Amino acid sequence: MRAIWKEAVLAESEATIMVEGNHYFPPEALRQSYFQESTQHSTCPWKGRASYLDVVVDGAENPGAAWSYHEPMPAAEEIRDYVAFWRGVRIEA
């Protein structure tokens, strides 16, 4: 699977984990140069607190377009530190 925004491949892996319709990519699959830490957070009742990343490609920013659970609830332990995408990021096989 590949995560793509503005034709840049943000992450690529054959080992994604599908949760609630989202592909979660292992942390080593990310091309780190496209990501910046965000101060944005949200909470899921069964996964825990999500931390967001801004995606930046050629100076264009997509705020909070990626998220991860660094300290997930026990039910979501398998996606610890894995990253999922939204806000226009395409996921392709």
Protein backbone atom coordinates (compact mmCIF):
# COMPACT_ATOMS: atom_id res chain seq x y z
CA MET A 1 0.00 0.00 0.00
CA ARG A 2 1.07 3.57 -0.64
CA ALA A 3 -0.06 6.86 0.89
CA ILE A 4 0.13 9.67 -1.69
CA TRP A 5 -0.47 13.43 -1.51
CA LYS A 6 0.36 15.87 -4.31
CA GLU A 7 1.91 12.91 -6.17
CA ALA A 8 4.50 12.41 -3.40
CA VAL A 9 4.65 8.95 -1.83
CA LEU A 10 4.42 9.65 1.90
CA ALA A 11 4.55 6.02 3.05
CA GLU A 12 4.80 2.61 1.44
CA SER A 13 4.38 -0.83 3.01
CA GLU A 14 2.98 -4.29 2.46
CA ALA A 15 2.43 -4.59 6.22
CA THR A 16 -0.37 -2.11 6.89
CA ILE A 17 -3.04 -2.90 9.47
CA MET A 18 -6.66 -2.14 8.56
CA VAL A 19 -8.74 -0.62 11.39
CA GLU A 20 -12.14 0.98 10.85
CA GLY A 21 -11.50 1.34 7.12
CA ASN A 22 -8.10 3.01 7.54
CA HIS A 23 -4.74 1.55 6.58
CA TYR A 24 -2.24 2.07 9.39
CA PHE A 25 1.35 2.11 8.13
CA PRO A 26 4.27 0.93 10.26
CA PRO A 27 6.45 3.85 11.40
CA GLU A 28 9.44 2.70 9.35
CA ALA A 29 7.31 2.97 6.17
CA LEU A 30 7.06 6.77 6.44
CA ARG A 31 9.26 9.10 4.42
CA GLN A 32 10.04 11.31 7.39
CA SER A 33 10.97 14.38 5.35
CA TYR A 34 7.27 14.94 4.56
CA PHE A 35 6.10 15.09 8.19
CA GLN A 36 6.07 17.67 10.96
CA GLU A 37 4.74 17.23 14.49
CA SER A 38 1.39 18.89 15.14
CA THR A 39 -0.09 20.07 18.42
CA GLN A 40 -3.45 18.57 17.40
CA HIS A 41 -4.87 15.63 19.37
CA SER A 42 -8.16 13.76 19.55
CA THR A 43 -9.48 10.90 21.65
CA CYS A 44 -11.11 7.65 20.57
CA PRO A 45 -13.00 5.73 23.29
CA TRP A 46 -11.37 2.40 22.42
CA LYS A 47 -8.06 3.41 20.77
CA GLY A 48 -7.02 6.25 23.07
CA ARG A 49 -5.37 9.60 22.37
CA ALA A 50 -4.34 10.27 18.77
CA SER A 51 -1.44 12.56 17.93
CA TYR A 52 -1.45 14.24 14.52
CA LEU A 53 1.24 15.03 11.98
CA ASP A 54 1.19 17.77 9.35
CA VAL A 55 2.14 16.68 5.85
CA VAL A 56 4.35 19.07 3.86
CA VAL A 57 5.15 18.53 0.18
CA ASP A 58 7.02 21.14 -1.88
CA GLY A 59 6.00 23.87 0.58
CA ALA A 60 2.30 22.92 0.54
CA GLU A 61 0.97 21.95 3.98
CA ASN A 62 -1.85 19.54 4.80
CA PRO A 63 -2.40 20.14 8.55
CA GLY A 64 -3.19 17.09 10.66
CA ALA A 65 -3.38 14.80 7.63
CA ALA A 66 -1.81 11.87 9.49
CA TRP A 67 -2.36 10.46 12.96
CA SER A 68 -0.93 7.87 15.29
CA TYR A 69 -1.55 6.35 18.73
CA HIS A 70 1.66 6.45 20.76
CA GLU A 71 0.04 5.11 23.93
CA PRO A 72 -3.04 3.22 22.73
CA MET A 73 -5.66 1.54 24.85
CA PRO A 74 -5.12 -2.25 25.22
CA ALA A 75 -7.66 -3.02 22.46
CA ALA A 76 -5.60 -1.01 19.95
CA GLU A 77 -2.11 -2.11 20.97
CA GLU A 78 -1.42 -3.62 17.52
CA ILE A 79 -1.42 -0.13 15.94
CA ARG A 80 0.93 1.50 18.47
CA ASP A 81 2.98 4.12 16.57
CA TYR A 82 1.46 3.09 13.21
CA VAL A 83 0.26 6.02 11.08
CA ALA A 84 -3.03 6.49 9.21
CA PHE A 85 -4.06 9.25 6.79
CA TRP A 86 -7.00 11.38 5.72
CA ARG A 87 -7.66 14.91 4.35
CA GLY A 88 -7.01 14.12 0.72
CA VAL A 89 -4.17 11.62 1.14
CA ARG A 90 -4.84 8.77 -1.32
CA ILE A 91 -4.22 5.18 -0.32
CA GLU A 92 -3.36 2.93 -3.28
CA ALA A 93 -2.43 -0.71 -3.65
